[in-house]
């Protein structure tokens, strides 16, 4: 069984038997997929086990071999902690993961890691959302590679669902004409959607 298949199997089991899902997850050698599977187990674990399993998931994230992977995959346990009401732990984990994201190279990987953390930590509040979107805007100001621009546009579209005025103000500061136009158009349309769903059907 591949690591992807093992993760998917554990994720399917997590909602009905989080303890079994945890055992399946711990057997996954690849830390990226082990992190994701453990996060699913943490999301559905008994109250007394949530923090332990989430920490195991974060430890798996830290085993990934570069800053991008360590930061991006941490979005899963961060999201699990948020959904289980452990906001303070989620915020602390997000702070550590953000430091790794900001150290990731190349810039396109940095952008994708920040976008992942924006989605995982979405419900930690307006200041958290603004910080991560501003991180993306600052990155784009120094590197206009298309993947960086795409991440910024996606982030602004998501932000517009919560605070359209702020999203527009950040978009209007984008120096690159094409990216600015895409961002403003996305903010104005109804197609903008919120963060991805991490767990459940």
Protein backbone atom coordinates (compact mmCIF):
# COMPACT_ATOMS: atom_id res chain seq x y z
CA UNK A 1 0.00 0.00 0.00
CA UNK A 2 1.37 3.41 -0.97
CA UNK A 3 1.59 6.22 1.62
CA UNK A 4 -1.24 8.01 -0.20
CA UNK A 5 -3.46 4.94 -0.03
CA UNK A 6 -2.58 4.35 3.62
CA UNK A 7 -3.48 7.96 4.48
CA UNK A 8 -6.76 7.73 2.59
CA UNK A 9 -7.65 4.50 4.36
CA UNK A 10 -6.91 5.98 7.78
CA UNK A 11 -8.94 9.08 6.93
CA UNK A 12 -11.95 6.94 6.03
CA UNK A 13 -11.74 5.14 9.36
CA UNK A 14 -11.10 8.21 11.52
CA UNK A 15 -14.67 9.41 12.03
CA UNK A 16 -15.97 6.06 13.26
CA UNK A 17 -12.86 4.69 14.97
CA UNK A 18 -10.23 7.37 15.62
CA UNK A 19 -8.10 5.04 17.76
CA UNK A 20 -7.81 2.53 14.92
CA UNK A 21 -7.10 5.36 12.50
CA UNK A 22 -4.28 6.53 14.74
CA UNK A 23 -2.67 3.07 14.72
CA UNK A 24 -2.94 2.98 10.94
CA UNK A 25 -1.47 6.46 10.70
CA UNK A 26 1.49 5.67 12.94
CA UNK A 27 2.46 2.86 10.56
CA UNK A 28 2.85 5.27 7.63
CA UNK A 29 6.55 5.88 7.03
CA UNK A 30 6.25 9.04 4.95
CA UNK A 31 5.90 11.90 7.46
CA UNK A 32 3.71 14.06 5.15
CA UNK A 33 1.02 11.43 4.87
CA UNK A 34 1.44 10.30 8.49
CA UNK A 35 0.85 13.89 9.58
CA UNK A 36 -2.37 14.14 7.56
CA UNK A 37 -3.69 10.80 8.79
CA UNK A 38 -2.90 11.61 12.42
CA UNK A 39 -4.63 14.97 12.02
CA UNK A 40 -7.80 13.17 10.92
CA UNK A 41 -7.56 10.95 13.98
CA UNK A 42 -7.08 14.01 16.20
CA UNK A 43 -10.14 15.65 14.66
CA UNK A 44 -12.37 12.78 15.82
CA UNK A 45 -10.46 11.53 18.87
CA UNK A 46 -11.92 11.28 22.35
CA UNK A 47 -11.60 14.56 24.24
CA UNK A 48 -8.80 13.19 26.38
CA UNK A 49 -6.75 12.22 23.32
CA UNK A 50 -7.14 15.24 21.03
CA UNK A 51 -4.04 17.10 22.14
CA UNK A 52 -1.81 14.01 22.23
CA UNK A 53 -2.73 12.91 18.72
CA UNK A 54 -2.51 16.45 17.35
CA UNK A 55 1.00 16.73 18.81
CA UNK A 56 1.93 13.44 17.13
CA UNK A 57 0.68 14.91 13.87
CA UNK A 58 2.72 18.08 14.36
CA UNK A 59 5.79 16.00 15.17
CA UNK A 60 5.31 14.14 11.89
CA UNK A 61 5.12 17.48 10.08
CA UNK A 62 8.45 18.47 11.65
CA UNK A 63 10.04 15.31 10.22
CA UNK A 64 9.43 16.47 6.64
CA UNK A 65 12.69 17.31 4.94
CA UNK A 66 12.21 20.99 4.04
CA UNK A 67 10.58 24.14 5.36
CA UNK A 68 7.85 24.10 2.72
CA UNK A 69 6.63 20.62 3.61
CA UNK A 70 6.97 21.19 7.35
CA UNK A 71 4.83 24.34 7.14
CA UNK A 72 2.27 23.32 4.54
CA UNK A 73 1.32 19.96 6.02
CA UNK A 74 1.03 21.49 9.51
CA UNK A 75 -2.19 23.04 8.23
CA UNK A 76 -3.91 19.69 8.85
CA UNK A 77 -3.24 19.34 12.60
CA UNK A 78 -3.78 23.08 13.01
CA UNK A 79 -7.21 22.68 11.43
CA UNK A 80 -7.96 19.67 13.62
CA UNK A 81 -7.11 21.66 16.75
CA UNK A 82 -9.29 24.56 15.59
CA UNK A 83 -12.25 22.28 14.92
CA UNK A 84 -11.86 20.64 18.33
CA UNK A 85 -11.82 23.96 20.16
CA UNK A 86 -8.10 24.09 21.01
CA UNK A 87 -7.59 27.58 19.63
CA UNK A 88 -4.59 28.47 21.80
CA UNK A 89 -2.69 25.33 20.79
CA UNK A 90 -3.65 25.90 17.16
CA UNK A 91 -2.42 29.48 17.31
CA UNK A 92 0.92 28.41 18.79
CA UNK A 93 1.35 25.74 16.13
CA UNK A 94 0.46 28.23 13.42
CA UNK A 95 3.08 30.67 14.67
CA UNK A 96 5.79 28.02 14.44
CA UNK A 97 4.61 26.84 11.04
CA UNK A 98 4.50 30.42 9.73
CA UNK A 99 8.18 30.84 10.61
CA UNK A 100 8.99 27.75 8.54
CA UNK A 101 6.80 28.98 5.69
CA UNK A 102 8.60 32.32 5.59
CA UNK A 103 11.91 30.46 5.38
CA UNK A 104 10.77 28.18 2.54
CA UNK A 105 12.40 28.36 -0.86
CA UNK A 106 11.78 29.01 -3.68
CA UNK A 107 9.28 31.88 -3.26
CA UNK A 108 6.54 29.88 -4.99
CA UNK A 109 6.81 27.20 -2.29
CA UNK A 110 6.78 29.92 0.36
CA UNK A 111 3.54 31.26 -1.14
CA UNK A 112 1.86 27.87 -1.23
CA UNK A 113 2.84 27.13 2.36
CA UNK A 114 1.39 30.47 3.51
CA UNK A 115 -1.82 29.79 1.60
CA UNK A 116 -2.12 26.37 3.23
CA UNK A 117 -1.69 27.91 6.68
CA UNK A 118 -4.25 30.58 5.88
CA UNK A 119 -6.79 27.86 5.20
CA UNK A 120 -5.84 25.67 8.14
CA UNK A 121 -5.90 28.59 10.58
CA UNK A 122 -8.82 30.41 8.98
CA UNK A 123 -11.07 30.37 12.04
CA UNK A 124 -8.39 31.69 14.39
CA UNK A 125 -9.68 35.16 13.65
CA UNK A 126 -9.40 38.27 11.54
CA UNK A 127 -5.91 39.23 12.69
CA UNK A 128 -4.53 35.80 11.78
CA UNK A 129 -6.14 35.94 8.35
CA UNK A 130 -4.85 39.44 7.73
CA UNK A 131 -1.29 38.57 8.79
CA UNK A 132 -1.05 35.65 6.39
CA UNK A 133 -2.60 37.55 3.48
CA UNK A 134 -0.21 40.44 4.15
CA UNK A 135 2.66 37.94 4.16
CA UNK A 136 1.59 36.84 0.69
CA UNK A 137 1.24 40.42 -0.51
CA UNK A 138 4.73 41.26 0.76
CA UNK A 139 6.14 38.20 -0.97
CA UNK A 140 4.48 39.12 -4.26
CA UNK A 141 5.96 42.60 -4.02
CA UNK A 142 9.40 41.00 -4.34
CA UNK A 143 8.61 38.07 -6.65
CA UNK A 144 5.83 38.10 -9.26
CA UNK A 145 6.21 34.49 -10.40
CA UNK A 146 2.80 33.19 -11.47
CA UNK A 147 2.45 30.70 -8.62
CA UNK A 148 3.06 33.48 -6.10
CA UNK A 149 0.45 35.64 -7.83
CA UNK A 150 -2.03 32.78 -7.94
CA UNK A 151 -1.66 32.17 -4.21
CA UNK A 152 -2.19 35.86 -3.45
CA UNK A 153 -5.26 36.09 -5.69
CA UNK A 154 -6.75 32.96 -4.09
CA UNK A 155 -6.07 34.33 -0.61
CA UNK A 156 -7.71 37.66 -1.42
CA UNK A 157 -10.75 35.94 -2.89
CA UNK A 158 -11.14 33.93 0.31
CA UNK A 159 -10.60 37.00 2.48
CA UNK A 160 -13.27 38.88 0.55
CA UNK A 161 -15.90 36.48 1.93
CA UNK A 162 -15.13 37.82 5.41
CA UNK A 163 -13.92 41.36 4.77
CA UNK A 164 -14.33 42.62 1.21
CA UNK A 165 -13.09 46.11 2.01
CA UNK A 166 -9.83 44.80 3.44
CA UNK A 167 -9.34 42.39 0.57
CA UNK A 168 -9.88 45.22 -1.92
CA UNK A 169 -7.48 47.55 -0.07
CA UNK A 170 -4.72 44.93 -0.15
CA UNK A 171 -5.44 44.11 -3.80
CA UNK A 172 -5.23 47.77 -4.81
CA UNK A 173 -1.65 47.88 -3.47
CA UNK A 174 -0.48 45.16 -5.87
CA UNK A 175 2.04 46.76 -8.21
CA UNK A 176 1.74 44.19 -11.00
CA UNK A 177 -1.14 45.33 -13.22
CA UNK A 178 -2.23 41.88 -14.34
CA UNK A 179 -2.25 40.35 -10.87
CA UNK A 180 -4.01 43.38 -9.40
CA UNK A 181 -6.74 43.14 -12.06
CA UNK A 182 -7.23 39.42 -11.38
CA UNK A 183 -7.46 40.00 -7.66
CA UNK A 184 -9.96 42.83 -7.93
CA UNK A 185 -12.08 40.87 -10.39
CA UNK A 186 -12.09 37.83 -8.12
CA UNK A 187 -13.07 39.90 -5.12
CA UNK A 188 -16.02 41.39 -6.99
CA UNK A 189 -17.48 38.10 -8.26
CA UNK A 190 -19.66 35.67 -6.37
CA UNK A 191 -17.39 32.75 -7.24
CA UNK A 192 -15.03 33.50 -4.37
CA UNK A 193 -15.12 30.70 -1.81
CA UNK A 194 -13.79 30.10 1.65
CA UNK A 195 -11.00 27.77 2.79
CA UNK A 196 -10.89 24.11 1.84
CA UNK A 197 -12.56 21.42 3.90
CA UNK A 198 -10.05 19.17 5.63
CA UNK A 199 -12.08 16.42 7.28
CA UNK A 200 -15.26 14.48 6.72
CA UNK A 201 -17.17 13.53 3.57
